[in-house]
Amino acid sequence: MIEIYRTNDIVKISWLQALLSDGGIECAVLDQHASIIEGSIGAIQRRVMVLEEDALRARRILHDAGEIEGDI
């Protein structure tokens, strides 16, 4: 799996999951529990991960939604 986004914003993570799901891409969010254990103070960011073969398409979806800047 490849990381395509990293943030502490749980609302944004939910939004990204919805965008990817609508695009037919499954994703996993890593470090959710570690962030909760450390008190959600922001020291450990959650990571949105996708399969390597879906990474380019996932980045395009997030880019088109304005969530990723720059070239794909």
C-alpha atoms as a PDB file:
ATOM      1  CA  MET A   1       0.000   0.000   0.000  1.00  0.00           C
ATOM      2  CA  ILE A   2       1.035   3.573  -0.681  1.00  0.00           C
ATOM      3  CA  GLU A   3       0.344   6.678   1.373  1.00  0.00           C
ATOM      4  CA  ILE A   4      -1.523   9.326  -0.583  1.00  0.00           C
ATOM      5  CA  TYR A   5      -2.493  11.725   2.208  1.00  0.00           C
ATOM      6  CA  ARG A   6      -1.555  12.462   5.820  1.00  0.00           C
ATOM      7  CA  THR A   7      -3.514  14.617   8.248  1.00  0.00           C
ATOM      8  CA  ASN A   8      -4.885  14.966  11.761  1.00  0.00           C
ATOM      9  CA  ASP A   9      -8.225  16.249  10.465  1.00  0.00           C
ATOM     10  CA  ILE A  10     -10.716  13.401  10.952  1.00  0.00           C
ATOM     11  CA  VAL A  11     -13.398  15.244   8.978  1.00  0.00           C
ATOM     12  CA  LYS A  12     -11.037  15.561   6.008  1.00  0.00           C
ATOM     13  CA  ILE A  13     -10.174  11.869   6.257  1.00  0.00           C
ATOM     14  CA  SER A  14     -13.855  11.011   6.096  1.00  0.00           C
ATOM     15  CA  TRP A  15     -14.231  13.265   3.047  1.00  0.00           C
ATOM     16  CA  LEU A  16     -11.226  11.685   1.319  1.00  0.00           C
ATOM     17  CA  GLN A  17     -12.581   8.205   2.012  1.00  0.00           C
ATOM     18  CA  ALA A  18     -15.905   9.211   0.440  1.00  0.00           C
ATOM     19  CA  LEU A  19     -14.180  10.675  -2.630  1.00  0.00           C
ATOM     20  CA  LEU A  20     -12.095   7.561  -3.139  1.00  0.00           C
ATOM     21  CA  SER A  21     -15.036   5.246  -2.539  1.00  0.00           C
ATOM     22  CA  ASP A  22     -17.101   7.136  -5.129  1.00  0.00           C
ATOM     23  CA  GLY A  23     -14.190   6.635  -7.522  1.00  0.00           C
ATOM     24  CA  GLY A  24     -14.192   2.896  -6.877  1.00  0.00           C
ATOM     25  CA  ILE A  25     -10.981   2.903  -4.861  1.00  0.00           C
ATOM     26  CA  GLU A  26     -10.672   1.153  -1.530  1.00  0.00           C
ATOM     27  CA  CYS A  27      -8.481   2.813   1.048  1.00  0.00           C
ATOM     28  CA  ALA A  28      -7.259   2.178   4.553  1.00  0.00           C
ATOM     29  CA  VAL A  29      -6.548   4.717   7.263  1.00  0.00           C
ATOM     30  CA  LEU A  30      -3.502   3.865   9.347  1.00  0.00           C
ATOM     31  CA  ASP A  31      -2.495   5.208  12.750  1.00  0.00           C
ATOM     32  CA  GLN A  32      -6.058   5.953  13.876  1.00  0.00           C
ATOM     33  CA  HIS A  33      -5.617   4.085  17.136  1.00  0.00           C
ATOM     34  CA  ALA A  34      -2.150   5.452  17.799  1.00  0.00           C
ATOM     35  CA  SER A  35      -3.494   8.970  17.419  1.00  0.00           C
ATOM     36  CA  ILE A  36      -6.304   8.260  19.886  1.00  0.00           C
ATOM     37  CA  ILE A  37      -3.916   6.702  22.408  1.00  0.00           C
ATOM     38  CA  GLU A  38      -1.629   9.736  22.356  1.00  0.00           C
ATOM     39  CA  GLY A  39      -4.633  11.912  23.186  1.00  0.00           C
ATOM     40  CA  SER A  40      -5.310  13.283  19.689  1.00  0.00           C
ATOM     41  CA  ILE A  41      -2.895  16.148  20.299  1.00  0.00           C
ATOM     42  CA  GLY A  42      -1.663  15.905  16.722  1.00  0.00           C
ATOM     43  CA  ALA A  43       1.690  14.249  17.274  1.00  0.00           C
ATOM     44  CA  ILE A  44       0.766  11.260  15.131  1.00  0.00           C
ATOM     45  CA  GLN A  45      -1.023  11.942  11.875  1.00  0.00           C
ATOM     46  CA  ARG A  46      -3.401   9.483  10.274  1.00  0.00           C
ATOM     47  CA  ARG A  47      -2.364   8.165   6.854  1.00  0.00           C
ATOM     48  CA  VAL A  48      -4.706   7.417   3.955  1.00  0.00           C
ATOM     49  CA  MET A  49      -3.360   4.417   2.063  1.00  0.00           C
ATOM     50  CA  VAL A  50      -4.351   2.811  -1.252  1.00  0.00           C
ATOM     51  CA  LEU A  51      -3.106  -0.136  -3.233  1.00  0.00           C
ATOM     52  CA  GLU A  52      -0.105   0.676  -5.396  1.00  0.00           C
ATOM     53  CA  GLU A  53      -2.033   0.001  -8.599  1.00  0.00           C
ATOM     54  CA  ASP A  54      -4.721   2.522  -7.524  1.00  0.00           C
ATOM     55  CA  ALA A  55      -2.331   5.265  -6.399  1.00  0.00           C
ATOM     56  CA  LEU A  56      -2.258   7.348  -9.594  1.00  0.00           C
ATOM     57  CA  ARG A  57      -6.025   7.226 -10.034  1.00  0.00           C
ATOM     58  CA  ALA A  58      -6.523   8.046  -6.335  1.00  0.00           C
ATOM     59  CA  ARG A  59      -4.204  11.056  -6.585  1.00  0.00           C
ATOM     60  CA  ARG A  60      -6.092  12.268  -9.662  1.00  0.00           C
ATOM     61  CA  ILE A  61      -9.411  12.000  -7.822  1.00  0.00           C
ATOM     62  CA  LEU A  62      -8.056  13.979  -4.867  1.00  0.00           C
ATOM     63  CA  HIS A  63      -6.372  16.492  -7.171  1.00  0.00           C
ATOM     64  CA  ASP A  64      -9.580  17.068  -9.140  1.00  0.00           C
ATOM     65  CA  ALA A  65     -11.408  17.642  -5.831  1.00  0.00           C
ATOM     66  CA  GLY A  66      -8.821  20.263  -4.840  1.00  0.00           C
ATOM     67  CA  GLU A  67      -7.334  18.183  -2.037  1.00  0.00           C
ATOM     68  CA  ILE A  68      -3.881  17.708  -3.595  1.00  0.00           C
ATOM     69  CA  GLU A  69      -2.002  20.539  -5.246  1.00  0.00           C
ATOM     70  CA  GLY A  70       0.654  20.428  -7.910  1.00  0.00           C
ATOM     71  CA  ASP A  71       1.335  17.992 -10.711  1.00  0.00           C
ATOM     72  CA  ILE A  72       0.172  14.418 -10.541  1.00  0.00           C
END
